Amino acid sequence: MTLLSLLLLVNAVLHGVIVGRFGIKGNVPPVAFGFIYSALAIAVFRGWPSGSLVTLVVTTFGLIGLALNFRKLQHDTTIEKIIFIVGGAILLCAAYLLLIG
């Protein structure tokens, strides 16, 4: 659970970096997902029973949205590429916790 919490926290920080670098205009989804990932990090760390399942669903939805809008981005996409990697790690970790739990 701690690893999943840390990955969620890193993902929230990365979303915050996007907003900090490129502004809030046009970056409302990263703001929303940043807050959602922060709340999920706290919930998973505190041992919320459905935390892994909600994390799996939210991260899947977020990565699909990012993939669909990736070509439309008007700025450097390095952070988004890192979010794909961290998101994949979150999916693997959450799926593992669901399978063993």
Protein backbone atom coordinates (compact mmCIF):
# COMPACT_ATOMS: atom_id res chain seq x y z
CA MET A 1 0.00 0.00 0.00
CA THR A 2 2.82 2.39 0.77
CA LEU A 3 4.34 2.00 -2.71
CA LEU A 4 0.97 2.68 -4.32
CA SER A 5 0.51 5.75 -2.11
CA LEU A 6 3.93 7.08 -3.10
CA LEU A 7 3.23 6.51 -6.80
CA LEU A 8 -0.09 8.33 -6.47
CA LEU A 9 1.63 11.20 -4.71
CA VAL A 10 4.28 11.43 -7.44
CA ASN A 11 1.54 11.46 -10.05
CA ALA A 12 -0.28 14.26 -8.21
CA VAL A 13 2.94 16.29 -8.10
CA LEU A 14 3.52 15.73 -11.83
CA HIS A 15 0.03 17.02 -12.56
CA GLY A 16 0.82 20.04 -10.41
CA VAL A 17 4.01 20.63 -12.38
CA ILE A 18 1.98 20.74 -15.60
CA VAL A 19 -0.28 23.41 -14.15
CA GLY A 20 2.65 25.30 -12.65
CA ARG A 21 4.56 25.28 -15.91
CA PHE A 22 1.80 25.94 -18.41
CA GLY A 23 -0.89 27.66 -16.34
CA ILE A 24 -4.41 26.67 -15.46
CA LYS A 25 -5.93 27.88 -18.73
CA GLY A 26 -6.44 24.79 -20.85
CA ASN A 27 -5.14 22.53 -18.07
CA VAL A 28 -8.27 21.97 -16.00
CA PRO A 29 -8.13 18.14 -16.32
CA PRO A 30 -4.61 17.99 -14.82
CA VAL A 31 -5.81 20.14 -11.92
CA ALA A 32 -8.75 17.81 -11.29
CA PHE A 33 -6.65 14.66 -11.57
CA GLY A 34 -3.98 16.19 -9.34
CA PHE A 35 -6.53 16.63 -6.56
CA ILE A 36 -8.03 13.19 -7.17
CA TYR A 37 -4.60 11.51 -7.02
CA SER A 38 -3.78 13.41 -3.82
CA ALA A 39 -6.99 12.20 -2.19
CA LEU A 40 -6.37 8.65 -3.42
CA ALA A 41 -2.83 8.71 -2.03
CA ILE A 42 -4.20 9.60 1.39
CA ALA A 43 -7.01 7.03 1.15
CA VAL A 44 -4.70 4.21 0.09
CA PHE A 45 -2.13 5.11 2.73
CA ARG A 46 -4.80 5.05 5.43
CA GLY A 47 -5.92 1.61 4.25
CA TRP A 48 -9.24 2.44 2.64
CA PRO A 49 -10.64 -0.97 1.56
CA SER A 50 -11.70 0.14 -1.94
CA GLY A 51 -8.65 2.31 -2.52
CA SER A 52 -6.93 -0.03 -4.96
CA LEU A 53 -10.05 -0.55 -7.02
CA VAL A 54 -10.85 3.16 -7.24
CA THR A 55 -7.22 3.85 -8.09
CA LEU A 56 -7.33 1.29 -10.89
CA VAL A 57 -10.49 2.83 -12.37
CA VAL A 58 -9.39 6.47 -12.06
CA THR A 59 -5.90 5.82 -13.42
CA THR A 60 -7.26 3.85 -16.37
CA PHE A 61 -9.69 6.64 -17.18
CA GLY A 62 -6.94 9.26 -16.83
CA LEU A 63 -4.46 7.44 -19.04
CA ILE A 64 -7.08 6.88 -21.73
CA GLY A 65 -7.96 10.58 -21.65
CA LEU A 66 -4.30 11.57 -21.82
CA ALA A 67 -3.66 9.20 -24.72
CA LEU A 68 -6.64 10.54 -26.67
CA ASN A 69 -5.56 14.16 -26.19
CA PHE A 70 -1.78 13.66 -26.43
CA ARG A 71 -1.45 14.86 -30.03
CA LYS A 72 -3.51 18.00 -29.31
CA LEU A 73 -1.12 19.30 -26.64
CA GLN A 74 0.47 22.61 -27.60
CA HIS A 75 3.48 22.37 -25.30
CA ASP A 76 6.43 20.15 -24.47
CA THR A 77 5.12 16.68 -23.58
CA THR A 78 7.97 15.38 -21.43
CA ILE A 79 5.94 15.50 -18.23
CA GLU A 80 3.02 13.74 -19.90
CA LYS A 81 5.34 10.95 -21.01
CA ILE A 82 6.53 10.55 -17.41
CA ILE A 83 2.88 10.46 -16.32
CA PHE A 84 2.31 7.54 -18.71
CA ILE A 85 5.16 5.63 -17.05
CA VAL A 86 4.04 6.42 -13.51
CA GLY A 87 0.43 5.65 -14.47
CA GLY A 88 1.48 2.25 -15.79
CA ALA A 89 3.29 1.54 -12.54
CA ILE A 90 0.19 2.59 -10.59
CA LEU A 91 -1.96 0.25 -12.67
CA LEU A 92 0.39 -2.67 -12.07
CA CYS A 93 0.65 -1.98 -8.35
CA ALA A 94 -3.11 -1.53 -7.89
CA ALA A 95 -3.87 -4.68 -9.90
CA TYR A 96 -1.35 -6.64 -7.84
CA LEU A 97 -2.90 -5.43 -4.58
CA LEU A 98 -6.37 -6.37 -5.83
CA LEU A 99 -5.21 -9.85 -6.81
CA ILE A 100 -3.51 -10.64 -3.51
CA GLY A 101 -6.12 -8.89 -1.35
